[in-house]
């Protein structure tokens, strides 16, 4: 296993050496300019698109949080309305425990 890892590291080092050599030779020949004008335009377009995506996602996140808050307030109002409309049930023995169908055992 150690031999395999060592061989892989040697291959990576050899590849990095080849890339470095080619880069140095290209600079010596005057081809050190990394991006062509077409490449620069592609990068500028990608940056613009990225900014559009960020802006749109911020808008969607904001509107989603507003919708969630509005929904929470509507659900809260509905619960309050339901609690007000429900008649208060008291037991005949004077205790303040409410009869709850969910707590009764099934027959």
N, C-alpha and C. Protein backbone atom coordinates (compact mmCIF):
# COMPACT_ATOMS: atom_id res chain seq x y z
N UNK A 1 0.82 -1.18 0.00
CA UNK A 1 0.00 0.00 0.00
C UNK A 1 0.87 1.26 0.00
N UNK A 2 1.93 1.21 0.78
CA UNK A 2 2.85 2.35 0.84
C UNK A 2 3.46 2.61 -0.54
N UNK A 3 3.80 1.54 -1.26
CA UNK A 3 4.40 1.68 -2.58
C UNK A 3 3.42 2.35 -3.56
N UNK A 4 2.14 1.99 -3.43
CA UNK A 4 1.13 2.58 -4.31
C UNK A 4 0.99 4.08 -4.03
N UNK A 5 0.93 4.47 -2.78
CA UNK A 5 0.82 5.89 -2.43
C UNK A 5 2.06 6.64 -2.88
N UNK A 6 3.22 6.06 -2.70
CA UNK A 6 4.46 6.69 -3.12
C UNK A 6 4.49 6.88 -4.63
N UNK A 7 4.05 5.87 -5.38
CA UNK A 7 4.01 5.97 -6.83
C UNK A 7 3.03 7.07 -7.28
N UNK A 8 1.90 7.18 -6.60
CA UNK A 8 0.93 8.22 -6.95
C UNK A 8 1.51 9.61 -6.68
N UNK A 9 2.18 9.78 -5.58
CA UNK A 9 2.80 11.07 -5.27
C UNK A 9 3.89 11.43 -6.28
N UNK A 10 4.63 10.44 -6.71
CA UNK A 10 5.67 10.69 -7.72
C UNK A 10 5.04 11.12 -9.04
N UNK A 11 3.92 10.51 -9.41
CA UNK A 11 3.24 10.89 -10.65
C UNK A 11 2.71 12.32 -10.57
N UNK A 12 2.15 12.68 -9.42
CA UNK A 12 1.66 14.05 -9.25
C UNK A 12 2.81 15.04 -9.32
N UNK A 13 3.93 14.73 -8.69
CA UNK A 13 5.10 15.62 -8.72
C UNK A 13 5.64 15.74 -10.15
N UNK A 14 5.70 14.63 -10.87
CA UNK A 14 6.17 14.66 -12.25
C UNK A 14 5.24 15.51 -13.12
N UNK A 15 3.93 15.37 -12.93
CA UNK A 15 2.96 16.17 -13.69
C UNK A 15 3.10 17.66 -13.38
N UNK A 16 3.29 18.00 -12.11
CA UNK A 16 3.48 19.40 -11.74
C UNK A 16 4.76 19.95 -12.36
N UNK A 17 5.80 19.13 -12.42
CA UNK A 17 7.06 19.54 -13.03
C UNK A 17 6.90 19.83 -14.52
N UNK A 18 6.15 18.98 -15.21
CA UNK A 18 5.92 19.17 -16.65
C UNK A 18 5.13 20.45 -16.89
N UNK A 19 4.09 20.68 -16.08
CA UNK A 19 3.29 21.89 -16.25
C UNK A 19 4.15 23.13 -15.99
N UNK A 20 4.97 23.10 -14.97
CA UNK A 20 5.85 24.22 -14.66
C UNK A 20 6.84 24.49 -15.79
N UNK A 21 7.42 23.44 -16.35
CA UNK A 21 8.37 23.59 -17.45
C UNK A 21 7.71 24.23 -18.66
N UNK A 22 6.52 23.74 -19.02
CA UNK A 22 5.81 24.27 -20.19
C UNK A 22 5.44 25.73 -19.95
N UNK A 23 5.05 26.07 -18.73
CA UNK A 23 4.69 27.45 -18.41
C UNK A 23 5.89 28.37 -18.56
N UNK A 24 7.05 27.94 -18.07
CA UNK A 24 8.25 28.77 -18.19
C UNK A 24 8.66 28.96 -19.64
N UNK A 25 8.60 27.91 -20.43
CA UNK A 25 8.96 28.01 -21.85
C UNK A 25 7.99 28.93 -22.58
N UNK A 26 6.72 28.89 -22.25
CA UNK A 26 5.74 29.75 -22.91
C UNK A 26 6.01 31.21 -22.57
N UNK A 27 6.40 31.48 -21.35
CA UNK A 27 6.70 32.88 -20.97
C UNK A 27 7.93 33.39 -21.71
N UNK A 28 8.90 32.53 -21.89
CA UNK A 28 10.11 32.95 -22.60
C UNK A 28 9.81 33.29 -24.05
N UNK A 29 8.85 32.61 -24.62
CA UNK A 29 8.50 32.85 -26.02
C UNK A 29 7.50 34.00 -26.18
N UNK A 30 7.12 34.66 -25.09
CA UNK A 30 6.22 35.80 -25.19
C UNK A 30 4.76 35.45 -25.15
N UNK A 31 4.45 34.22 -24.80
CA UNK A 31 3.04 33.84 -24.72
C UNK A 31 2.58 33.83 -23.26
N UNK A 32 3.04 34.81 -22.50
CA UNK A 32 2.71 34.85 -21.08
C UNK A 32 1.34 35.44 -20.80
N UNK A 33 0.71 36.01 -21.81
CA UNK A 33 -0.62 36.55 -21.60
C UNK A 33 -1.60 35.40 -21.40
N UNK A 34 -2.22 35.38 -20.27
CA UNK A 34 -3.03 34.22 -19.89
C UNK A 34 -4.37 34.18 -20.62
N UNK A 35 -5.09 35.31 -20.63
CA UNK A 35 -6.40 35.34 -21.25
C UNK A 35 -6.35 36.10 -22.57
N UNK A 36 -7.03 35.56 -23.55
CA UNK A 36 -7.21 36.27 -24.81
C UNK A 36 -8.37 37.25 -24.63
N UNK A 37 -8.56 38.17 -25.55
CA UNK A 37 -9.72 39.08 -25.43
C UNK A 37 -11.06 38.33 -25.38
N UNK A 38 -11.15 37.24 -26.12
CA UNK A 38 -12.38 36.44 -26.09
C UNK A 38 -12.56 35.80 -24.72
N UNK A 39 -11.47 35.33 -24.12
CA UNK A 39 -11.54 34.74 -22.79
C UNK A 39 -11.94 35.77 -21.74
N UNK A 40 -11.40 36.98 -21.88
CA UNK A 40 -11.77 38.06 -20.96
C UNK A 40 -13.27 38.36 -21.05
N UNK A 41 -13.80 38.36 -22.27
CA UNK A 41 -15.23 38.62 -22.45
C UNK A 41 -16.07 37.50 -21.84
N UNK A 42 -15.61 36.26 -21.98
CA UNK A 42 -16.32 35.15 -21.36
C UNK A 42 -16.33 35.28 -19.84
N UNK A 43 -15.19 35.67 -19.27
CA UNK A 43 -15.12 35.85 -17.82
C UNK A 43 -16.03 36.99 -17.36
N UNK A 44 -16.04 38.09 -18.10
CA UNK A 44 -16.90 39.21 -17.74
C UNK A 44 -18.37 38.80 -17.80
N UNK A 45 -18.73 38.04 -18.82
CA UNK A 45 -20.11 37.55 -18.92
C UNK A 45 -20.48 36.62 -17.78
N UNK A 46 -19.54 35.76 -17.39
CA UNK A 46 -19.80 34.86 -16.27
C UNK A 46 -19.96 35.63 -14.97
N UNK A 47 -19.16 36.68 -14.79
CA UNK A 47 -19.30 37.51 -13.58
C UNK A 47 -20.65 38.22 -13.56
N UNK A 48 -21.07 38.74 -14.72
CA UNK A 48 -22.37 39.41 -14.78
C UNK A 48 -23.49 38.43 -14.47
N UNK A 49 -23.42 37.24 -15.03
CA UNK A 49 -24.43 36.23 -14.78
C UNK A 49 -24.44 35.84 -13.30
N UNK A 50 -23.26 35.71 -12.72
CA UNK A 50 -23.17 35.39 -11.30
C UNK A 50 -23.82 36.45 -10.43
N UNK A 51 -23.61 37.71 -10.79
CA UNK A 51 -24.23 38.80 -10.03
C UNK A 51 -25.76 38.77 -10.18
N UNK A 52 -26.23 38.44 -11.38
CA UNK A 52 -27.68 38.34 -11.59
C UNK A 52 -28.26 37.21 -10.73
N UNK A 53 -27.55 36.09 -10.68
CA UNK A 53 -28.02 34.95 -9.88
C UNK A 53 -28.06 35.32 -8.40
N UNK A 54 -27.02 36.00 -7.92
CA UNK A 54 -26.98 36.39 -6.51
C UNK A 54 -28.13 37.35 -6.20
N UNK A 55 -28.35 38.32 -7.06
CA UNK A 55 -29.43 39.28 -6.84
C UNK A 55 -30.78 38.60 -6.83
N UNK A 56 -31.00 37.72 -7.78
CA UNK A 56 -32.30 37.02 -7.87
C UNK A 56 -32.51 36.11 -6.66
N UNK A 57 -31.46 35.42 -6.22
CA UNK A 57 -31.61 34.54 -5.06
C UNK A 57 -31.89 35.34 -3.80
N UNK A 58 -31.30 36.53 -3.68
CA UNK A 58 -31.60 37.39 -2.53
C UNK A 58 -33.06 37.83 -2.57
N UNK A 59 -33.56 38.15 -3.76
CA UNK A 59 -34.96 38.55 -3.88
C UNK A 59 -35.88 37.40 -3.50
N UNK A 60 -35.57 36.20 -4.00
CA UNK A 60 -36.41 35.05 -3.70
C UNK A 60 -36.38 34.71 -2.21
N UNK A 61 -35.20 34.79 -1.62
CA UNK A 61 -35.09 34.49 -0.18
C UNK A 61 -35.88 35.50 0.63
N UNK A 62 -35.82 36.76 0.25
CA UNK A 62 -36.57 37.79 0.95
C UNK A 62 -38.07 37.59 0.82
N UNK A 63 -38.52 37.30 -0.40
CA UNK A 63 -39.96 37.11 -0.60
C UNK A 63 -40.43 35.84 0.09
N UNK A 64 -39.60 34.82 0.14
CA UNK A 64 -39.99 33.58 0.82
C UNK A 64 -40.13 33.82 2.32
N UNK A 65 -39.22 34.61 2.89
CA UNK A 65 -39.33 34.87 4.33
C UNK A 65 -40.56 35.74 4.62
N UNK A 66 -40.87 36.68 3.72
CA UNK A 66 -42.06 37.50 3.91
C UNK A 66 -43.32 36.64 3.82
N UNK A 67 -43.36 35.72 2.86
CA UNK A 67 -44.52 34.84 2.74
C UNK A 67 -44.66 33.95 3.96
N UNK A 68 -43.53 33.47 4.48
CA UNK A 68 -43.57 32.62 5.67
C UNK A 68 -44.10 33.39 6.87
N UNK A 69 -43.63 34.61 7.05
CA UNK A 69 -44.11 35.42 8.16
C UNK A 69 -45.60 35.72 8.01
N UNK A 70 -46.05 36.03 6.80
CA UNK A 70 -47.47 36.29 6.57
C UNK A 70 -48.30 35.04 6.87
N UNK A 71 -47.80 33.88 6.47
CA UNK A 71 -48.51 32.64 6.73
C UNK A 71 -48.58 32.36 8.23
N UNK A 72 -47.48 32.60 8.94
CA UNK A 72 -47.49 32.40 10.40
C UNK A 72 -48.50 33.30 11.07
N UNK A 73 -48.58 34.56 10.63
CA UNK A 73 -49.54 35.48 11.25
C UNK A 73 -50.97 35.04 10.95
N UNK A 74 -51.23 34.56 9.72
CA UNK A 74 -52.57 34.09 9.39
C UNK A 74 -52.95 32.86 10.20
N UNK A 75 -51.99 31.93 10.38
CA UNK A 75 -52.26 30.73 11.16
C UNK A 75 -52.51 31.11 12.61
N UNK A 76 -51.73 32.07 13.12
CA UNK A 76 -51.93 32.53 14.50
C UNK A 76 -53.30 33.16 14.68
N UNK A 77 -53.73 33.99 13.72
CA UNK A 77 -55.06 34.60 13.79
C UNK A 77 -56.14 33.55 13.75
N UNK A 78 -55.97 32.53 12.93
CA UNK A 78 -56.96 31.47 12.81
C UNK A 78 -57.08 30.72 14.13
N UNK A 79 -55.93 30.45 14.77
CA UNK A 79 -55.97 29.74 16.05
C UNK A 79 -56.66 30.57 17.12
N UNK A 80 -56.40 31.87 17.13
CA UNK A 80 -57.05 32.75 18.11
C UNK A 80 -58.54 32.80 17.84
N UNK A 81 -58.94 32.91 16.57
CA UNK A 81 -60.36 32.95 16.21
C UNK A 81 -61.05 31.65 16.60
N UNK A 82 -60.40 30.52 16.38
CA UNK A 82 -60.97 29.23 16.73
C UNK A 82 -61.12 29.11 18.23
N UNK A 83 -60.15 29.59 18.98
CA UNK A 83 -60.23 29.52 20.43
C UNK A 83 -61.36 30.39 20.96
N UNK A 84 -61.61 31.52 20.34
CA UNK A 84 -62.69 32.40 20.78
C UNK A 84 -64.05 31.80 20.46
N UNK A 85 -64.17 31.13 19.32
CA UNK A 85 -65.46 30.58 18.89
C UNK A 85 -65.82 29.31 19.64
N UNK A 86 -64.84 28.57 20.11
CA UNK A 86 -65.11 27.31 20.79
C UNK A 86 -65.76 27.60 22.13
N UNK A 87 -66.90 26.96 22.42
CA UNK A 87 -67.55 27.20 23.71
C UNK A 87 -66.71 26.61 24.84
N UNK A 88 -66.66 27.30 25.94
CA UNK A 88 -65.92 26.82 27.10
C UNK A 88 -66.73 25.70 27.73
N UNK A 89 -66.14 24.53 27.81
CA UNK A 89 -66.83 23.39 28.39
C UNK A 89 -66.31 23.16 29.80
N UNK A 90 -67.17 23.07 30.69
CA UNK A 90 -66.78 22.77 32.07
C UNK A 90 -67.45 21.48 32.50
N UNK A 91 -66.88 20.80 33.42
CA UNK A 91 -67.48 19.55 33.88
C UNK A 91 -68.47 19.85 34.99
N UNK A 92 -69.35 18.93 35.20
CA UNK A 92 -70.41 19.13 36.18
C UNK A 92 -69.90 19.04 37.61
N UNK A 93 -68.71 18.43 37.79
CA UNK A 93 -68.22 18.28 39.16
C UNK A 93 -67.45 19.50 39.63
N UNK A 94 -67.33 20.52 38.83
CA UNK A 94 -66.71 21.76 39.24
C UNK A 94 -65.22 21.81 38.98
N UNK A 95 -64.61 20.74 38.49
CA UNK A 95 -63.18 20.80 38.20
C UNK A 95 -62.97 21.55 36.89
N UNK A 96 -61.78 22.09 36.70
CA UNK A 96 -61.52 22.86 35.50
C UNK A 96 -60.82 22.03 34.43
N UNK A 97 -60.91 20.73 34.50
CA UNK A 97 -60.38 19.87 33.44
C UNK A 97 -61.38 19.80 32.31
N UNK A 98 -60.88 19.91 31.10
CA UNK A 98 -61.76 19.85 29.94
C UNK A 98 -61.87 18.41 29.46
N UNK A 99 -63.05 18.09 28.93
CA UNK A 99 -63.24 16.77 28.33
C UNK A 99 -62.56 16.82 26.97
N UNK A 100 -61.64 15.92 26.75
CA UNK A 100 -60.91 15.89 25.49
C UNK A 100 -61.07 14.51 24.88
N UNK A 101 -61.63 14.47 23.68
CA UNK A 101 -61.87 13.19 23.01
C UNK A 101 -60.57 12.47 22.71
N UNK A 102 -59.48 13.19 22.54
CA UNK A 102 -58.21 12.54 22.22
C UNK A 102 -57.67 11.75 23.41
N UNK A 103 -58.08 12.15 24.63
CA UNK A 103 -57.55 11.48 25.82
C UNK A 103 -58.37 10.28 26.24
N UNK A 104 -59.57 10.13 25.64
CA UNK A 104 -60.40 8.99 26.01
C UNK A 104 -59.91 7.74 25.30
N UNK A 105 -59.95 6.60 25.98
CA UNK A 105 -59.55 5.34 25.31
C UNK A 105 -60.59 4.95 24.27
N UNK A 106 -60.13 4.33 23.22
CA UNK A 106 -61.03 3.88 22.15
C UNK A 106 -61.88 2.74 22.67
N UNK A 107 -63.18 2.73 22.30
CA UNK A 107 -64.04 1.66 22.78
C UNK A 107 -64.33 0.65 21.72
